[in-house]
PDB file of all heavy atoms in Angstrom:
ATOM      1  N   SER A   1       4.501   1.617  15.898  1.00  0.00           N
ATOM      2  CA  SER A   1       5.124   1.893  17.215  1.00  0.00           C
ATOM      3  C   SER A   1       4.242   2.590  18.163  1.00  0.00           C
ATOM      4  O   SER A   1       4.415   2.550  19.341  1.00  0.00           O
ATOM      5  CB  SER A   1       6.455   2.684  16.965  1.00  0.00           C
ATOM      6  OG  SER A   1       6.072   3.948  16.357  1.00  0.00           O
ATOM      7  N   GLU A   2       3.182   3.248  17.664  1.00  0.00           N
ATOM      8  CA  GLU A   2       2.308   4.078  18.518  1.00  0.00           C
ATOM      9  C   GLU A   2       0.913   4.042  17.987  1.00  0.00           C
ATOM     10  O   GLU A   2       0.660   3.784  16.814  1.00  0.00           O
ATOM     11  CB  GLU A   2       2.811   5.479  18.691  1.00  0.00           C
ATOM     12  CG  GLU A   2       2.947   6.235  17.401  1.00  0.00           C
ATOM     13  CD  GLU A   2       3.512   7.635  17.559  1.00  0.00           C
ATOM     14  OE1 GLU A   2       3.960   8.007  18.697  1.00  0.00           O
ATOM     15  OE2 GLU A   2       3.460   8.412  16.576  1.00  0.00           O
ATOM     16  N   HIS A   3      -0.024   4.369  18.900  1.00  0.00           N
ATOM     17  CA  HIS A   3      -1.446   4.517  18.469  1.00  0.00           C
ATOM     18  C   HIS A   3      -1.657   5.758  17.682  1.00  0.00           C
ATOM     19  O   HIS A   3      -1.225   6.842  18.056  1.00  0.00           O
ATOM     20  CB  HIS A   3      -2.340   4.504  19.739  1.00  0.00           C
ATOM     21  CG  HIS A   3      -3.804   4.702  19.459  1.00  0.00           C
ATOM     22  ND1 HIS A   3      -4.490   3.796  18.681  1.00  0.00           N
ATOM     23  CD2 HIS A   3      -4.570   5.743  19.752  1.00  0.00           C
ATOM     24  CE1 HIS A   3      -5.755   4.289  18.601  1.00  0.00           C
ATOM     25  NE2 HIS A   3      -5.825   5.440  19.166  1.00  0.00           N
ATOM     26  N   ARG A   4      -2.359   5.600  16.553  1.00  0.00           N
ATOM     27  CA  ARG A   4      -2.560   6.712  15.611  1.00  0.00           C
ATOM     28  C   ARG A   4      -4.053   7.067  15.473  1.00  0.00           C
ATOM     29  O   ARG A   4      -4.461   8.223  15.190  1.00  0.00           O
ATOM     30  CB  ARG A   4      -2.010   6.457  14.269  1.00  0.00           C
ATOM     31  CG  ARG A   4      -0.527   6.297  14.302  1.00  0.00           C
ATOM     32  CD  ARG A   4       0.100   5.964  12.961  1.00  0.00           C
ATOM     33  NE  ARG A   4       1.540   5.871  12.916  1.00  0.00           N
ATOM     34  CZ  ARG A   4       2.358   6.915  12.743  1.00  0.00           C
ATOM     35  NH1 ARG A   4       1.850   8.135  12.589  1.00  0.00           N
ATOM     36  NH2 ARG A   4       3.657   6.821  12.806  1.00  0.00           N
ATOM     37  N   GLY A   5      -4.935   6.110  15.622  1.00  0.00           N
ATOM     38  CA  GLY A   5      -6.350   6.309  15.398  1.00  0.00           C
ATOM     39  C   GLY A   5      -6.704   6.081  13.932  1.00  0.00           C
ATOM     40  O   GLY A   5      -7.742   5.411  13.721  1.00  0.00           O
ATOM     41  N   VAL A   6      -5.927   6.557  12.973  1.00  0.00           N
ATOM     42  CA  VAL A   6      -6.106   6.287  11.572  1.00  0.00           C
ATOM     43  C   VAL A   6      -4.838   5.730  10.994  1.00  0.00           C
ATOM     44  O   VAL A   6      -3.788   6.391  11.137  1.00  0.00           O
ATOM     45  CB  VAL A   6      -6.570   7.506  10.802  1.00  0.00           C
ATOM     46  CG1 VAL A   6      -6.792   7.244   9.271  1.00  0.00           C
ATOM     47  CG2 VAL A   6      -7.843   8.138  11.363  1.00  0.00           C
ATOM     48  N   TYR A   7      -4.884   4.589  10.381  1.00  0.00           N
ATOM     49  CA  TYR A   7      -3.690   3.870   9.821  1.00  0.00           C
ATOM     50  C   TYR A   7      -3.875   3.811   8.354  1.00  0.00           C
ATOM     51  O   TYR A   7      -4.825   3.164   7.868  1.00  0.00           O
ATOM     52  CB  TYR A   7      -3.531   2.473  10.503  1.00  0.00           C
ATOM     53  CG  TYR A   7      -3.449   2.496  12.029  1.00  0.00           C
ATOM     54  CD1 TYR A   7      -4.638   2.544  12.725  1.00  0.00           C
ATOM     55  CD2 TYR A   7      -2.253   2.571  12.599  1.00  0.00           C
ATOM     56  CE1 TYR A   7      -4.509   2.553  14.129  1.00  0.00           C
ATOM     57  CE2 TYR A   7      -2.157   2.571  14.032  1.00  0.00           C
ATOM     58  CZ  TYR A   7      -3.329   2.548  14.734  1.00  0.00           C
ATOM     59  OH  TYR A   7      -3.192   2.546  16.155  1.00  0.00           O
ATOM     60  N   CYS A   8      -2.904   4.307   7.539  1.00  0.00           N
ATOM     61  CA  CYS A   8      -2.993   4.368   6.123  1.00  0.00           C
ATOM     62  C   CYS A   8      -1.843   3.636   5.504  1.00  0.00           C
ATOM     63  O   CYS A   8      -0.733   3.736   6.007  1.00  0.00           O
ATOM     64  CB  CYS A   8      -3.076   5.778   5.605  1.00  0.00           C
ATOM     65  SG  CYS A   8      -4.505   6.705   6.014  1.00  0.00           S
ATOM     66  N   VAL A   9      -2.097   2.866   4.476  1.00  0.00           N
ATOM     67  CA  VAL A   9      -1.071   2.127   3.736  1.00  0.00           C
ATOM     68  C   VAL A   9      -1.093   2.382   2.296  1.00  0.00           C
ATOM     69  O   VAL A   9      -2.185   2.593   1.710  1.00  0.00           O
ATOM     70  CB  VAL A   9      -1.213   0.588   4.091  1.00  0.00           C
ATOM     71  CG1 VAL A   9      -0.898   0.335   5.463  1.00  0.00           C
ATOM     72  CG2 VAL A   9      -2.509   0.098   3.613  1.00  0.00           C
ATOM     73  N   ASN A  10       0.045   2.295   1.557  1.00  0.00           N
ATOM     74  CA  ASN A  10       0.193   2.366   0.102  1.00  0.00           C
ATOM     75  C   ASN A  10       0.736   1.129  -0.431  1.00  0.00           C
ATOM     76  O   ASN A  10       1.892   0.661   0.068  1.00  0.00           O
ATOM     77  CB  ASN A  10       1.015   3.595  -0.299  1.00  0.00           C
ATOM     78  CG  ASN A  10       0.453   4.934   0.233  1.00  0.00           C
ATOM     79  OD1 ASN A  10      -0.808   5.151   0.115  1.00  0.00           O
ATOM     80  ND2 ASN A  10       1.269   5.832   0.772  1.00  0.00           N
ATOM     81  N   LEU A  11       0.072   0.510  -1.319  1.00  0.00           N
ATOM     82  CA  LEU A  11       0.524  -0.825  -1.883  1.00  0.00           C
ATOM     83  C   LEU A  11       0.906  -0.703  -3.338  1.00  0.00           C
ATOM     84  O   LEU A  11       0.138  -0.090  -4.100  1.00  0.00           O
ATOM     85  CB  LEU A  11      -0.592  -1.909  -1.668  1.00  0.00           C
ATOM     86  CG  LEU A  11      -0.982  -2.212  -0.247  1.00  0.00           C
ATOM     87  CD1 LEU A  11      -2.218  -1.404   0.179  1.00  0.00           C
ATOM     88  CD2 LEU A  11      -1.307  -3.675  -0.106  1.00  0.00           C
ATOM     89  N   THR A  12       2.059  -1.351  -3.656  1.00  0.00           N
ATOM     90  CA  THR A  12       2.496  -1.469  -5.041  1.00  0.00           C
ATOM     91  C   THR A  12       3.008  -2.875  -5.165  1.00  0.00           C
ATOM     92  O   THR A  12       3.335  -3.576  -4.187  1.00  0.00           O
ATOM     93  CB  THR A  12       3.611  -0.501  -5.324  1.00  0.00           C
ATOM     94  OG1 THR A  12       4.731  -0.690  -4.403  1.00  0.00           O
ATOM     95  CG2 THR A  12       3.168   0.924  -5.261  1.00  0.00           C
ATOM     96  N   GLY A  13       2.980  -3.442  -6.437  1.00  0.00           N
ATOM     97  CA  GLY A  13       3.414  -4.751  -6.708  1.00  0.00           C
ATOM     98  C   GLY A  13       3.564  -5.001  -8.186  1.00  0.00           C
ATOM     99  O   GLY A  13       3.145  -4.238  -9.023  1.00  0.00           O
ATOM    100  N   LYS A  14       4.153  -6.201  -8.486  1.00  0.00           N
ATOM    101  CA  LYS A  14       4.310  -6.594  -9.911  1.00  0.00           C
ATOM    102  C   LYS A  14       4.566  -8.104  -9.942  1.00  0.00           C
ATOM    103  O   LYS A  14       5.044  -8.714  -9.020  1.00  0.00           O
ATOM    104  CB  LYS A  14       5.428  -5.775 -10.502  1.00  0.00           C
ATOM    105  CG  LYS A  14       6.785  -6.039  -9.872  1.00  0.00           C
ATOM    106  CD  LYS A  14       7.901  -5.267 -10.556  1.00  0.00           C
ATOM    107  CE  LYS A  14       9.237  -5.464  -9.904  1.00  0.00           C
ATOM    108  NZ  LYS A  14      10.345  -4.744 -10.606  1.00  0.00           N
ATOM    109  N   PHE A  15       4.131  -8.649 -11.121  1.00  0.00           N
ATOM    110  CA  PHE A  15       4.485  -9.987 -11.426  1.00  0.00           C
ATOM    111  C   PHE A  15       5.676 -10.013 -12.449  1.00  0.00           C
ATOM    112  O   PHE A  15       5.524  -9.666 -13.654  1.00  0.00           O
ATOM    113  CB  PHE A  15       3.346 -10.719 -12.103  1.00  0.00           C
ATOM    114  CG  PHE A  15       2.210 -10.992 -11.175  1.00  0.00           C
ATOM    115  CD1 PHE A  15       1.153 -10.120 -11.029  1.00  0.00           C
ATOM    116  CD2 PHE A  15       2.163 -12.113 -10.338  1.00  0.00           C
ATOM    117  CE1 PHE A  15       0.111 -10.365 -10.111  1.00  0.00           C
ATOM    118  CE2 PHE A  15       1.079 -12.406  -9.520  1.00  0.00           C
ATOM    119  CZ  PHE A  15       0.055 -11.554  -9.463  1.00  0.00           C
ATOM    120  N   GLY A  16       6.881 -10.261 -11.954  1.00  0.00           N
ATOM    121  CA  GLY A  16       7.969 -10.197 -12.809  1.00  0.00           C
ATOM    122  C   GLY A  16       8.259  -8.747 -13.313  1.00  0.00           C
ATOM    123  O   GLY A  16       8.493  -7.851 -12.512  1.00  0.00           O
ATOM    124  N   GLN A  17       7.967  -8.471 -14.647  1.00  0.00           N
ATOM    125  CA  GLN A  17       8.106  -7.122 -15.180  1.00  0.00           C
ATOM    126  C   GLN A  17       6.739  -6.507 -15.452  1.00  0.00           C
ATOM    127  O   GLN A  17       6.657  -5.495 -16.162  1.00  0.00           O
ATOM    128  CB  GLN A  17       8.967  -7.185 -16.479  1.00  0.00           C
ATOM    129  CG  GLN A  17      10.380  -7.654 -16.252  1.00  0.00           C
ATOM    130  CD  GLN A  17      11.208  -7.677 -17.495  1.00  0.00           C
ATOM    131  OE1 GLN A  17      10.765  -7.298 -18.551  1.00  0.00           O
ATOM    132  NE2 GLN A  17      12.433  -8.160 -17.364  1.00  0.00           N
ATOM    133  N   ARG A  18       5.698  -7.134 -14.966  1.00  0.00           N
ATOM    134  CA  ARG A  18       4.326  -6.584 -15.179  1.00  0.00           C
ATOM    135  C   ARG A  18       3.868  -5.872 -13.872  1.00  0.00           C
ATOM    136  O   ARG A  18       3.592  -6.527 -12.965  1.00  0.00           O
ATOM    137  CB  ARG A  18       3.413  -7.726 -15.627  1.00  0.00           C
ATOM    138  CG  ARG A  18       3.580  -8.292 -16.954  1.00  0.00           C
ATOM    139  CD  ARG A  18       3.072  -9.748 -17.115  1.00  0.00           C
ATOM    140  NE  ARG A  18       3.930 -10.663 -16.416  1.00  0.00           N
ATOM    141  CZ  ARG A  18       3.759 -11.935 -16.475  1.00  0.00           C
ATOM    142  NH1 ARG A  18       2.833 -12.508 -17.305  1.00  0.00           N
ATOM    143  NH2 ARG A  18       4.523 -12.793 -15.827  1.00  0.00           N
ATOM    144  N   PRO A  19       3.733  -4.602 -13.950  1.00  0.00           N
ATOM    145  CA  PRO A  19       3.438  -3.845 -12.655  1.00  0.00           C
ATOM    146  C   PRO A  19       1.906  -3.826 -12.392  1.00  0.00           C
ATOM    147  O   PRO A  19       1.068  -4.046 -13.320  1.00  0.00           O
ATOM    148  CB  PRO A  19       3.984  -2.483 -12.970  1.00  0.00           C
ATOM    149  CG  PRO A  19       3.827  -2.277 -14.513  1.00  0.00           C
ATOM    150  CD  PRO A  19       4.058  -3.714 -15.035  1.00  0.00           C
ATOM    151  N   LEU A  20       1.584  -3.466 -11.212  1.00  0.00           N
ATOM    152  CA  LEU A  20       0.216  -3.267 -10.717  1.00  0.00           C
ATOM    153  C   LEU A  20       0.102  -1.799 -10.399  1.00  0.00           C
ATOM    154  O   LEU A  20       1.039  -1.116  -9.905  1.00  0.00           O
ATOM    155  CB  LEU A  20      -0.098  -4.120  -9.464  1.00  0.00           C
ATOM    156  CG  LEU A  20       0.006  -5.634  -9.560  1.00  0.00           C
ATOM    157  CD1 LEU A  20      -0.267  -6.215  -8.231  1.00  0.00           C
ATOM    158  CD2 LEU A  20      -0.979  -6.130 -10.597  1.00  0.00           C
ATOM    159  N   ASN A  21      -1.153  -1.249 -10.636  1.00  0.00           N
ATOM    160  CA  ASN A  21      -1.375   0.140 -10.273  1.00  0.00           C
ATOM    161  C   ASN A  21      -1.359   0.239  -8.807  1.00  0.00           C
ATOM    162  O   ASN A  21      -1.915  -0.592  -8.016  1.00  0.00           O
ATOM    163  CB  ASN A  21      -2.786   0.513 -10.758  1.00  0.00           C
ATOM    164  CG  ASN A  21      -2.753   0.915 -12.212  1.00  0.00           C
ATOM    165  OD1 ASN A  21      -1.864   1.570 -12.688  1.00  0.00           O
ATOM    166  ND2 ASN A  21      -3.835   0.645 -12.970  1.00  0.00           N
ATOM    167  N   PRO A  22      -0.727   1.262  -8.233  1.00  0.00           N
ATOM    168  CA  PRO A  22      -0.647   1.491  -6.804  1.00  0.00           C
ATOM    169  C   PRO A  22      -2.093   1.653  -6.136  1.00  0.00           C
ATOM    170  O   PRO A  22      -3.037   2.153  -6.852  1.00  0.00           O
ATOM    171  CB  PRO A  22       0.134   2.792  -6.631  1.00  0.00           C
ATOM    172  CG  PRO A  22       0.871   2.973  -7.917  1.00  0.00           C
ATOM    173  CD  PRO A  22      -0.013   2.328  -8.956  1.00  0.00           C
ATOM    174  N   ARG A  23      -2.232   1.284  -4.941  1.00  0.00           N
ATOM    175  CA  ARG A  23      -3.467   1.371  -4.268  1.00  0.00           C
ATOM    176  C   ARG A  23      -3.231   1.904  -2.841  1.00  0.00           C
ATOM    177  O   ARG A  23      -2.284   1.452  -2.147  1.00  0.00           O
ATOM    178  CB  ARG A  23      -4.278   0.092  -4.177  1.00  0.00           C
ATOM    179  CG  ARG A  23      -5.609   0.154  -3.411  1.00  0.00           C
ATOM    180  CD  ARG A  23      -6.361  -1.141  -3.541  1.00  0.00           C
ATOM    181  NE  ARG A  23      -6.857  -1.235  -4.840  1.00  0.00           N
ATOM    182  CZ  ARG A  23      -8.091  -0.787  -5.255  1.00  0.00           C
ATOM    183  NH1 ARG A  23      -8.819  -0.009  -4.425  1.00  0.00           N
ATOM    184  NH2 ARG A  23      -8.490  -0.982  -6.485  1.00  0.00           N
ATOM    185  N   SER A  24      -4.141   2.796  -2.385  1.00  0.00           N
ATOM    186  CA  SER A  24      -4.050   3.349  -0.983  1.00  0.00           C
ATOM    187  C   SER A  24      -5.266   2.941  -0.241  1.00  0.00           C
ATOM    188  O   SER A  24      -6.358   2.929  -0.813  1.00  0.00           O
ATOM    189  CB  SER A  24      -3.830   4.830  -0.988  1.00  0.00           C
ATOM    190  OG  SER A  24      -2.567   5.214  -1.646  1.00  0.00           O
ATOM    191  N   SER A  25      -5.147   2.673   1.059  1.00  0.00           N
ATOM    192  CA  SER A  25      -6.255   2.313   1.814  1.00  0.00           C
ATOM    193  C   SER A  25      -5.933   2.659   3.268  1.00  0.00           C
ATOM    194  O   SER A  25      -4.777   2.666   3.692  1.00  0.00           O
ATOM    195  CB  SER A  25      -6.506   0.781   1.788  1.00  0.00           C
ATOM    196  OG  SER A  25      -7.662   0.426   2.489  1.00  0.00           O
ATOM    197  N   CYS A  26      -7.100   2.973   4.044  1.00  0.00           N
ATOM    198  CA  CYS A  26      -6.902   3.451   5.457  1.00  0.00           C
ATOM    199  C   CYS A  26      -7.814   2.615   6.370  1.00  0.00           C
ATOM    200  O   CYS A  26      -8.956   2.239   5.900  1.00  0.00           O
ATOM    201  CB  CYS A  26      -7.141   4.952   5.601  1.00  0.00           C
ATOM    202  SG  CYS A  26      -5.937   5.983   4.800  1.00  0.00           S
TER     203      CYS A  26
END
């Protein structure tokens, strides 16, 4: 919604019941 200068995201996911380790990136 607004300009931040630094944009960070946290990603999680899974295939069915097999999870993925979370990852963060900016």
